[in-house]
N, C-alpha and C. Protein backbone atom coordinates (compact mmCIF):
# COMPACT_ATOMS: atom_id res chain seq x y z
N UNK A 1 60.43 174.00 54.82
CA UNK A 1 61.13 174.14 56.07
C UNK A 1 61.08 175.60 56.51
N UNK A 2 61.14 175.79 57.80
CA UNK A 2 61.08 177.12 58.39
C UNK A 2 62.24 177.32 59.34
N UNK A 3 62.86 178.49 59.24
CA UNK A 3 63.93 178.87 60.15
C UNK A 3 63.65 180.28 60.65
N UNK A 4 63.91 180.51 61.94
CA UNK A 4 63.92 181.86 62.46
C UNK A 4 64.66 181.85 63.78
N UNK A 5 65.15 183.01 64.17
CA UNK A 5 65.95 183.09 65.38
C UNK A 5 65.47 184.26 66.24
N UNK A 6 65.28 183.97 67.52
CA UNK A 6 64.91 185.01 68.49
C UNK A 6 65.98 185.06 69.57
N UNK A 7 66.14 186.19 70.23
CA UNK A 7 67.13 186.27 71.31
C UNK A 7 66.86 185.21 72.38
N UNK A 8 67.92 184.70 72.98
CA UNK A 8 67.80 183.68 74.02
C UNK A 8 67.02 184.19 75.23
N UNK A 9 66.98 185.48 75.42
CA UNK A 9 66.28 186.05 76.58
C UNK A 9 64.76 186.08 76.39
N UNK A 10 64.27 185.86 75.17
CA UNK A 10 62.83 185.86 74.93
C UNK A 10 62.24 184.55 75.43
N UNK A 11 61.11 184.65 76.12
CA UNK A 11 60.39 183.47 76.61
C UNK A 11 59.50 182.94 75.49
N UNK A 12 59.54 181.63 75.28
CA UNK A 12 58.75 180.99 74.23
C UNK A 12 57.69 180.12 74.88
N UNK A 13 56.44 180.31 74.46
CA UNK A 13 55.32 179.49 74.92
C UNK A 13 54.86 178.62 73.75
N UNK A 14 54.64 177.33 74.00
CA UNK A 14 54.31 176.39 72.93
C UNK A 14 52.81 176.35 72.61
N UNK A 15 52.48 175.54 71.62
CA UNK A 15 51.10 175.44 71.12
C UNK A 15 50.11 175.13 72.23
N UNK A 16 50.41 174.13 73.04
CA UNK A 16 49.47 173.73 74.10
C UNK A 16 49.26 174.87 75.10
N UNK A 17 50.33 175.57 75.46
CA UNK A 17 50.21 176.69 76.40
C UNK A 17 49.35 177.80 75.81
N UNK A 18 49.58 178.13 74.54
CA UNK A 18 48.81 179.20 73.89
C UNK A 18 47.34 178.82 73.79
N UNK A 19 47.06 177.59 73.36
CA UNK A 19 45.67 177.17 73.21
C UNK A 19 44.97 177.08 74.57
N UNK A 20 45.68 176.66 75.61
CA UNK A 20 45.09 176.62 76.95
C UNK A 20 44.78 178.02 77.45
N UNK A 21 45.60 178.99 77.11
CA UNK A 21 45.34 180.39 77.48
C UNK A 21 44.06 180.88 76.81
N UNK A 22 43.86 180.48 75.56
CA UNK A 22 42.70 180.93 74.80
C UNK A 22 41.43 180.16 75.14
N UNK A 23 41.57 178.90 75.57
CA UNK A 23 40.41 178.02 75.72
C UNK A 23 40.21 177.45 77.12
N UNK A 24 41.10 177.75 78.04
CA UNK A 24 41.06 177.12 79.36
C UNK A 24 41.87 175.85 79.35
N UNK A 25 41.98 175.17 80.48
CA UNK A 25 42.80 173.96 80.57
C UNK A 25 42.36 172.91 79.54
N UNK A 26 43.37 172.32 78.86
CA UNK A 26 43.10 171.33 77.82
C UNK A 26 43.93 170.08 78.04
N UNK A 27 43.39 168.95 77.67
CA UNK A 27 44.18 167.72 77.64
C UNK A 27 45.03 167.76 76.37
N UNK A 28 46.01 166.86 76.27
CA UNK A 28 46.83 166.79 75.06
C UNK A 28 45.96 166.53 73.84
N UNK A 29 44.98 165.64 73.97
CA UNK A 29 44.08 165.30 72.87
C UNK A 29 43.26 166.51 72.44
N UNK A 30 42.72 167.25 73.40
CA UNK A 30 41.93 168.44 73.09
C UNK A 30 42.80 169.50 72.39
N UNK A 31 44.01 169.67 72.86
CA UNK A 31 44.91 170.66 72.24
C UNK A 31 45.20 170.27 70.79
N UNK A 32 45.45 168.99 70.52
CA UNK A 32 45.71 168.53 69.15
C UNK A 32 44.49 168.76 68.25
N UNK A 33 43.28 168.48 68.79
CA UNK A 33 42.06 168.68 68.02
C UNK A 33 41.86 170.15 67.66
N UNK A 34 42.07 171.03 68.62
CA UNK A 34 41.90 172.47 68.38
C UNK A 34 42.97 172.97 67.41
N UNK A 35 44.20 172.50 67.57
CA UNK A 35 45.31 172.96 66.71
C UNK A 35 45.12 172.53 65.26
N UNK A 36 44.49 171.41 65.03
CA UNK A 36 44.25 170.88 63.68
C UNK A 36 45.50 170.92 62.81
N UNK A 37 46.60 170.44 63.37
CA UNK A 37 47.85 170.37 62.62
C UNK A 37 48.70 171.62 62.65
N UNK A 38 48.24 172.65 63.34
CA UNK A 38 48.98 173.90 63.40
C UNK A 38 50.07 173.85 64.46
N UNK A 39 51.09 174.62 64.24
CA UNK A 39 52.14 174.85 65.22
C UNK A 39 52.06 176.33 65.58
N UNK A 40 51.86 176.61 66.85
CA UNK A 40 51.64 177.98 67.31
C UNK A 40 52.59 178.25 68.47
N UNK A 41 53.22 179.41 68.46
CA UNK A 41 54.04 179.84 69.58
C UNK A 41 53.73 181.29 69.88
N UNK A 42 53.88 181.66 71.13
CA UNK A 42 53.82 183.05 71.56
C UNK A 42 55.15 183.34 72.24
N UNK A 43 55.67 184.54 72.03
CA UNK A 43 56.97 184.90 72.57
C UNK A 43 56.88 186.24 73.27
N UNK A 44 57.70 186.40 74.29
CA UNK A 44 57.73 187.66 75.02
C UNK A 44 59.16 188.05 75.33
N UNK A 45 59.47 189.33 75.13
CA UNK A 45 60.78 189.87 75.46
C UNK A 45 60.78 190.56 76.82
N UNK A 46 59.66 190.50 77.54
CA UNK A 46 59.55 191.17 78.84
C UNK A 46 60.54 190.56 79.83
N UNK A 47 61.06 191.36 80.75
CA UNK A 47 61.99 190.82 81.75
C UNK A 47 61.34 189.78 82.67
N UNK A 48 60.06 189.94 82.95
CA UNK A 48 59.30 188.95 83.72
C UNK A 48 58.07 188.58 82.88
N UNK A 49 58.28 187.75 81.87
CA UNK A 49 57.20 187.47 80.92
C UNK A 49 56.07 186.66 81.52
N UNK A 50 54.89 186.88 80.95
CA UNK A 50 53.73 186.06 81.27
C UNK A 50 53.10 185.62 79.96
N UNK A 51 52.37 184.53 80.01
CA UNK A 51 51.68 184.05 78.82
C UNK A 51 50.65 185.07 78.36
N UNK A 52 49.99 185.72 79.30
CA UNK A 52 49.00 186.74 78.95
C UNK A 52 49.65 187.87 78.14
N UNK A 53 50.81 188.32 78.59
CA UNK A 53 51.52 189.39 77.88
C UNK A 53 51.96 188.90 76.49
N UNK A 54 52.43 187.67 76.42
CA UNK A 54 52.93 187.13 75.16
C UNK A 54 51.83 186.94 74.12
N UNK A 55 50.59 186.74 74.56
CA UNK A 55 49.49 186.49 73.62
C UNK A 55 48.66 187.73 73.33
N UNK A 56 49.17 188.90 73.68
CA UNK A 56 48.47 190.14 73.34
C UNK A 56 49.45 191.06 72.62
N UNK A 57 48.93 192.09 71.98
CA UNK A 57 49.81 193.04 71.33
C UNK A 57 50.76 193.62 72.37
N UNK A 58 52.05 193.59 72.06
CA UNK A 58 53.08 194.02 73.00
C UNK A 58 52.88 195.45 73.47
N UNK A 59 53.33 195.70 74.66
CA UNK A 59 53.29 197.04 75.23
C UNK A 59 54.71 197.56 75.36
N UNK A 60 55.27 197.48 76.57
CA UNK A 60 56.60 198.02 76.81
C UNK A 60 57.71 197.16 76.24
N UNK A 61 57.42 195.86 75.99
CA UNK A 61 58.40 194.95 75.43
C UNK A 61 57.75 194.21 74.27
N UNK A 62 58.56 193.83 73.31
CA UNK A 62 58.00 193.10 72.17
C UNK A 62 57.35 191.78 72.58
N UNK A 63 56.26 191.47 71.91
CA UNK A 63 55.67 190.14 71.99
C UNK A 63 55.47 189.67 70.55
N UNK A 64 55.45 188.37 70.38
CA UNK A 64 55.37 187.82 69.02
C UNK A 64 54.43 186.63 68.98
N UNK A 65 53.90 186.41 67.80
CA UNK A 65 53.04 185.26 67.53
C UNK A 65 53.60 184.56 66.30
N UNK A 66 53.71 183.25 66.39
CA UNK A 66 54.18 182.43 65.28
C UNK A 66 53.11 181.38 65.00
N UNK A 67 52.73 181.27 63.73
CA UNK A 67 51.71 180.29 63.34
C UNK A 67 52.15 179.60 62.05
N UNK A 68 52.13 178.30 62.06
CA UNK A 68 52.32 177.49 60.86
C UNK A 68 51.10 176.58 60.81
N UNK A 69 50.33 176.70 59.73
CA UNK A 69 49.04 176.00 59.69
C UNK A 69 48.78 175.46 58.28
N UNK A 70 48.25 174.23 58.22
CA UNK A 70 47.82 173.73 56.91
C UNK A 70 46.55 174.47 56.49
N UNK A 71 46.41 174.69 55.19
CA UNK A 71 45.23 175.37 54.67
C UNK A 71 44.27 174.36 54.06
N UNK A 72 42.99 174.64 54.19
CA UNK A 72 41.98 173.79 53.56
C UNK A 72 41.99 174.05 52.05
N UNK A 73 41.40 173.17 51.27
CA UNK A 73 41.34 173.41 49.82
C UNK A 73 40.68 174.76 49.49
N UNK A 74 39.64 175.13 50.22
CA UNK A 74 38.98 176.43 49.98
C UNK A 74 39.92 177.58 50.30
N UNK A 75 40.65 177.48 51.43
CA UNK A 75 41.61 178.53 51.79
C UNK A 75 42.72 178.63 50.75
N UNK A 76 43.18 177.49 50.24
CA UNK A 76 44.21 177.49 49.20
C UNK A 76 43.69 178.19 47.94
N UNK A 77 42.43 177.91 47.56
CA UNK A 77 41.84 178.54 46.37
C UNK A 77 41.71 180.05 46.49
N UNK A 78 41.47 180.54 47.70
CA UNK A 78 41.22 181.97 47.88
C UNK A 78 42.41 182.74 48.44
N UNK A 79 43.55 182.07 48.63
CA UNK A 79 44.72 182.72 49.21
C UNK A 79 45.25 183.81 48.29
N UNK A 80 45.39 184.99 48.82
CA UNK A 80 45.89 186.14 48.06
C UNK A 80 46.78 186.97 48.96
N UNK A 81 47.43 187.96 48.39
CA UNK A 81 48.23 188.87 49.21
C UNK A 81 47.33 189.57 50.24
N UNK A 82 46.11 189.87 49.84
CA UNK A 82 45.18 190.51 50.77
C UNK A 82 44.89 189.61 51.98
N UNK A 83 44.61 188.32 51.74
CA UNK A 83 44.33 187.43 52.87
C UNK A 83 45.58 187.21 53.72
N UNK A 84 46.75 187.24 53.11
CA UNK A 84 47.98 187.12 53.89
C UNK A 84 48.19 188.35 54.77
N UNK A 85 47.92 189.55 54.23
CA UNK A 85 48.06 190.77 55.04
C UNK A 85 47.12 190.74 56.24
N UNK A 86 45.95 190.16 56.06
CA UNK A 86 44.93 190.13 57.11
C UNK A 86 45.06 188.92 58.04
N UNK A 87 45.95 187.99 57.73
CA UNK A 87 45.98 186.72 58.45
C UNK A 87 46.14 186.89 59.96
N UNK A 88 47.10 187.66 60.40
CA UNK A 88 47.31 187.83 61.84
C UNK A 88 46.50 188.99 62.42
N UNK A 89 46.29 190.03 61.64
CA UNK A 89 45.60 191.22 62.14
C UNK A 89 44.07 191.08 62.12
N UNK A 90 43.56 190.15 61.32
CA UNK A 90 42.11 189.97 61.25
C UNK A 90 41.45 190.84 60.21
N UNK A 91 42.15 191.83 59.70
CA UNK A 91 41.64 192.69 58.64
C UNK A 91 42.82 193.19 57.82
N UNK A 92 42.58 193.52 56.58
CA UNK A 92 43.64 193.99 55.70
C UNK A 92 43.91 195.47 55.97
N UNK A 93 45.08 195.82 56.49
CA UNK A 93 45.35 197.22 56.80
C UNK A 93 45.44 198.12 55.58
N UNK A 94 45.61 197.55 54.39
CA UNK A 94 45.66 198.39 53.19
C UNK A 94 44.27 198.80 52.73
N UNK A 95 43.25 198.06 53.15
CA UNK A 95 41.89 198.41 52.74
C UNK A 95 41.01 198.86 53.90
N UNK A 96 41.51 198.71 55.12
CA UNK A 96 40.73 199.13 56.29
C UNK A 96 40.60 200.65 56.29
N UNK A 97 39.46 201.14 56.75
CA UNK A 97 39.22 202.58 56.71
C UNK A 97 39.81 203.32 57.90
N UNK A 98 40.12 202.62 58.98
CA UNK A 98 40.74 203.29 60.12
C UNK A 98 41.45 202.29 61.00
N UNK A 99 42.29 202.80 61.88
CA UNK A 99 42.95 201.94 62.84
C UNK A 99 44.35 201.52 62.46
N UNK A 100 44.79 201.80 61.21
CA UNK A 100 46.11 201.39 60.76
C UNK A 100 46.80 202.53 60.01
N UNK A 101 48.06 202.70 60.31
CA UNK A 101 48.91 203.60 59.54
C UNK A 101 50.01 202.71 58.96
N UNK A 102 49.96 202.46 57.65
CA UNK A 102 50.90 201.54 57.01
C UNK A 102 52.25 202.24 56.88
N UNK A 103 53.27 201.67 57.52
CA UNK A 103 54.62 202.23 57.48
C UNK A 103 55.45 201.63 56.36
N UNK A 104 55.25 200.34 56.08
CA UNK A 104 55.93 199.70 54.95
C UNK A 104 55.14 198.46 54.54
N UNK A 105 55.22 198.16 53.26
CA UNK A 105 54.55 196.97 52.74
C UNK A 105 55.30 196.48 51.52
N UNK A 106 55.63 195.18 51.53
CA UNK A 106 56.32 194.57 50.40
C UNK A 106 55.73 193.19 50.13
N UNK A 107 55.02 193.03 49.00
CA UNK A 107 54.64 191.68 48.59
C UNK A 107 55.83 191.06 47.85
N UNK A 108 55.96 189.74 47.89
CA UNK A 108 57.07 189.12 47.17
C UNK A 108 56.67 187.74 46.67
N UNK A 109 57.34 187.33 45.61
CA UNK A 109 57.19 185.98 45.06
C UNK A 109 58.59 185.55 44.63
N UNK A 110 59.09 184.50 45.28
CA UNK A 110 60.44 184.03 44.99
C UNK A 110 60.43 182.99 43.87
N UNK A 111 61.58 182.76 43.29
CA UNK A 111 61.69 181.82 42.18
C UNK A 111 61.38 180.38 42.57
N UNK A 112 61.47 180.03 43.88
CA UNK A 112 61.16 178.67 44.30
C UNK A 112 59.66 178.46 44.55
N UNK A 113 58.85 179.51 44.31
CA UNK A 113 57.40 179.39 44.46
C UNK A 113 56.86 179.93 45.77
N UNK A 114 57.73 180.16 46.76
CA UNK A 114 57.28 180.75 48.01
C UNK A 114 56.91 182.21 47.74
N UNK A 115 55.75 182.60 48.26
CA UNK A 115 55.33 184.00 48.11
C UNK A 115 54.75 184.49 49.41
N UNK A 116 54.71 185.81 49.56
CA UNK A 116 54.19 186.33 50.81
C UNK A 116 54.21 187.83 50.88
N UNK A 117 54.08 188.33 52.11
CA UNK A 117 54.05 189.77 52.37
C UNK A 117 54.90 190.09 53.59
N UNK A 118 55.49 191.27 53.55
CA UNK A 118 56.16 191.86 54.71
C UNK A 118 55.46 193.19 54.93
N UNK A 119 55.08 193.43 56.18
CA UNK A 119 54.23 194.59 56.48
C UNK A 119 54.59 195.13 57.85
N UNK A 120 54.63 196.46 57.97
CA UNK A 120 54.76 197.11 59.26
C UNK A 120 53.71 198.20 59.33
N UNK A 121 52.92 198.20 60.40
CA UNK A 121 51.86 199.20 60.58
C UNK A 121 51.89 199.72 62.00
N UNK A 122 51.39 200.92 62.16
CA UNK A 122 51.05 201.41 63.49
C UNK A 122 49.58 201.10 63.72
N UNK A 123 49.27 200.52 64.87
CA UNK A 123 47.89 200.23 65.25
C UNK A 123 47.36 201.47 65.97
N UNK A 124 46.81 202.39 65.19
CA UNK A 124 46.40 203.69 65.74
C UNK A 124 45.11 203.61 66.53
N UNK A 125 44.43 202.49 66.46
CA UNK A 125 43.19 202.32 67.21
C UNK A 125 43.44 201.86 68.64
N UNK A 126 44.71 201.72 69.04
CA UNK A 126 45.05 201.30 70.40
C UNK A 126 45.66 202.47 71.16
N UNK A 127 45.54 202.44 72.46
CA UNK A 127 46.17 203.45 73.30
C UNK A 127 47.04 202.73 74.32
N UNK A 128 48.31 202.97 74.35
CA UNK A 128 49.07 203.78 73.40
C UNK A 128 49.18 203.09 72.05
N UNK A 129 49.56 203.87 71.05
CA UNK A 129 49.73 203.32 69.70
C UNK A 129 50.83 202.26 69.73
N UNK A 130 50.57 201.16 69.03
CA UNK A 130 51.55 200.08 68.93
C UNK A 130 51.97 199.91 67.48
N UNK A 131 53.19 199.43 67.31
CA UNK A 131 53.68 199.09 65.98
C UNK A 131 53.64 197.58 65.85
N UNK A 132 53.24 197.10 64.68
CA UNK A 132 53.10 195.67 64.41
C UNK A 132 53.81 195.36 63.10
N UNK A 133 54.72 194.39 63.13
CA UNK A 133 55.39 193.94 61.92
C UNK A 133 55.12 192.47 61.71
N UNK A 134 54.96 192.09 60.44
CA UNK A 134 54.69 190.68 60.15
C UNK A 134 55.36 190.25 58.87
N UNK A 135 55.61 188.95 58.81
CA UNK A 135 55.99 188.27 57.58
C UNK A 135 55.03 187.09 57.48
N UNK A 136 54.30 187.01 56.38
CA UNK A 136 53.34 185.91 56.16
C UNK A 136 53.66 185.33 54.79
N UNK A 137 53.87 184.01 54.75
CA UNK A 137 54.27 183.34 53.51
C UNK A 137 53.46 182.07 53.30
N UNK A 138 53.47 181.61 52.07
CA UNK A 138 52.86 180.33 51.74
C UNK A 138 53.82 179.53 50.87
N UNK A 139 53.71 178.23 50.94
CA UNK A 139 54.53 177.37 50.10
C UNK A 139 54.06 177.47 48.65
N UNK A 140 54.80 176.87 47.76
CA UNK A 140 54.53 176.97 46.31
C UNK A 140 53.12 176.50 45.95
N UNK A 141 52.59 175.49 46.62
CA UNK A 141 51.26 174.97 46.31
C UNK A 141 50.15 175.68 47.08
N UNK A 142 50.50 176.52 48.04
CA UNK A 142 49.50 177.22 48.84
C UNK A 142 48.82 176.30 49.85
N UNK A 143 49.49 175.23 50.23
CA UNK A 143 48.91 174.28 51.18
C UNK A 143 49.18 174.64 52.64
N UNK A 144 50.19 175.48 52.87
CA UNK A 144 50.58 175.86 54.23
C UNK A 144 50.76 177.37 54.30
N UNK A 145 50.46 177.94 55.46
CA UNK A 145 50.75 179.33 55.72
C UNK A 145 51.72 179.41 56.88
N UNK A 146 52.69 180.30 56.76
CA UNK A 146 53.74 180.49 57.75
C UNK A 146 53.72 181.97 58.13
N UNK A 147 53.51 182.28 59.41
CA UNK A 147 53.35 183.68 59.80
C UNK A 147 54.06 184.00 61.10
N UNK A 148 54.67 185.18 61.15
CA UNK A 148 55.21 185.72 62.38
C UNK A 148 54.78 187.17 62.47
N UNK A 149 54.33 187.57 63.64
CA UNK A 149 53.97 188.95 63.90
C UNK A 149 54.59 189.39 65.21
N UNK A 150 55.18 190.58 65.22
CA UNK A 150 55.81 191.13 66.42
C UNK A 150 55.21 192.51 66.65
N UNK A 151 54.92 192.82 67.92
CA UNK A 151 54.36 194.14 68.22
C UNK A 151 54.85 194.66 69.56
N UNK A 152 54.81 195.96 69.69
CA UNK A 152 55.03 196.66 70.96
C UNK A 152 54.71 198.13 70.75
N UNK A 153 54.71 198.90 71.82
CA UNK A 153 54.43 200.33 71.72
C UNK A 153 55.44 200.97 70.77
N UNK A 154 55.02 202.08 70.17
CA UNK A 154 55.87 202.78 69.21
C UNK A 154 57.25 203.07 69.82
N UNK A 155 57.27 203.54 71.07
CA UNK A 155 58.56 203.86 71.72
C UNK A 155 59.42 202.62 71.87
N UNK A 156 58.83 201.50 72.22
CA UNK A 156 59.54 200.22 72.33
C UNK A 156 60.07 199.81 70.96
N UNK A 157 59.24 199.94 69.93
CA UNK A 157 59.63 199.53 68.58
C UNK A 157 60.89 200.29 68.15
N UNK A 158 60.91 201.59 68.40
CA UNK A 158 62.08 202.38 68.03
C UNK A 158 63.31 201.98 68.84
N UNK A 159 63.12 201.74 70.12
CA UNK A 159 64.23 201.36 70.99
C UNK A 159 64.76 199.97 70.64
N UNK A 160 63.88 199.04 70.29
CA UNK A 160 64.27 197.66 69.99
C UNK A 160 64.23 197.33 68.51
N UNK A 161 64.27 198.35 67.65
CA UNK A 161 64.08 198.12 66.21
C UNK A 161 65.13 197.18 65.62
N UNK A 162 66.36 197.25 66.11
CA UNK A 162 67.39 196.38 65.56
C UNK A 162 67.08 194.91 65.85
N UNK A 163 66.74 194.60 67.09
CA UNK A 163 66.42 193.22 67.47
C UNK A 163 65.17 192.73 66.75
N UNK A 164 64.13 193.56 66.73
CA UNK A 164 62.89 193.19 66.04
C UNK A 164 63.17 192.94 64.56
N UNK A 165 63.95 193.83 63.95
CA UNK A 165 64.31 193.67 62.54
C UNK A 165 65.07 192.38 62.29
N UNK A 166 65.98 192.03 63.20
CA UNK A 166 66.74 190.79 63.05
C UNK A 166 65.83 189.57 63.13
N UNK A 167 64.87 189.59 64.05
CA UNK A 167 63.94 188.46 64.17
C UNK A 167 63.10 188.33 62.90
N UNK A 168 62.52 189.43 62.45
CA UNK A 168 61.69 189.38 61.24
C UNK A 168 62.52 188.99 60.01
N UNK A 169 63.73 189.49 59.92
CA UNK A 169 64.60 189.15 58.78
C UNK A 169 65.07 187.71 58.81
N UNK A 170 65.14 187.12 60.01
CA UNK A 170 65.58 185.73 60.11
C UNK A 170 64.51 184.74 59.65
N UNK A 171 63.26 185.20 59.56
CA UNK A 171 62.13 184.34 59.17
C UNK A 171 62.36 183.86 57.74
N UNK A 172 62.60 182.57 57.58
CA UNK A 172 62.92 182.02 56.28
C UNK A 172 62.14 180.73 56.04
N UNK A 173 61.34 180.73 55.00
CA UNK A 173 60.62 179.54 54.57
C UNK A 173 61.32 179.05 53.32
N UNK A 174 61.72 177.78 53.32
CA UNK A 174 62.36 177.20 52.14
C UNK A 174 61.46 176.12 51.58
N UNK A 175 61.42 176.05 50.29
CA UNK A 175 60.59 175.08 49.58
C UNK A 175 61.41 173.84 49.29
N UNK A 176 60.91 172.68 49.63
CA UNK A 176 61.58 171.42 49.29
C UNK A 176 61.51 171.23 47.78
N UNK A 177 62.56 170.65 47.20
CA UNK A 177 62.56 170.43 45.73
C UNK A 177 61.46 169.49 45.29
């Protein structure tokens, strides 16, 4: 099970809206085929949010991406802290040679079998520099991945750090007995 809480003022875009933004207009059937069992949301804290703003690294206001996806047997076999760090960013910021300034990193493994990473980086390859925070977890069997990433400009991150921290801290994956 997954729980998380975002401010009521944040606009939430659902899986079909996000996939249509990425792929053009889709029927319900096409969206289900592309999603392949995934649940995807994009969120925006902008006062006049747009889907485009919500699906890109945040600028003046935080934007977030939420993904819950089943993993293939091959993905389950190769799942590591490194692949979790790279899941939303596309590359592992701990091994990348440029573009990331790692501000904090915590791998974890809980007694119920859930394991994952918490990471905050500055994306120094963007202008202006943006801060990106994520929590990426997997269930005890490694069959599912649960990820949230929030980003905005460094100045926004500092101004909204309490709210961003509350959203990231609220991200809770629980393992069924």
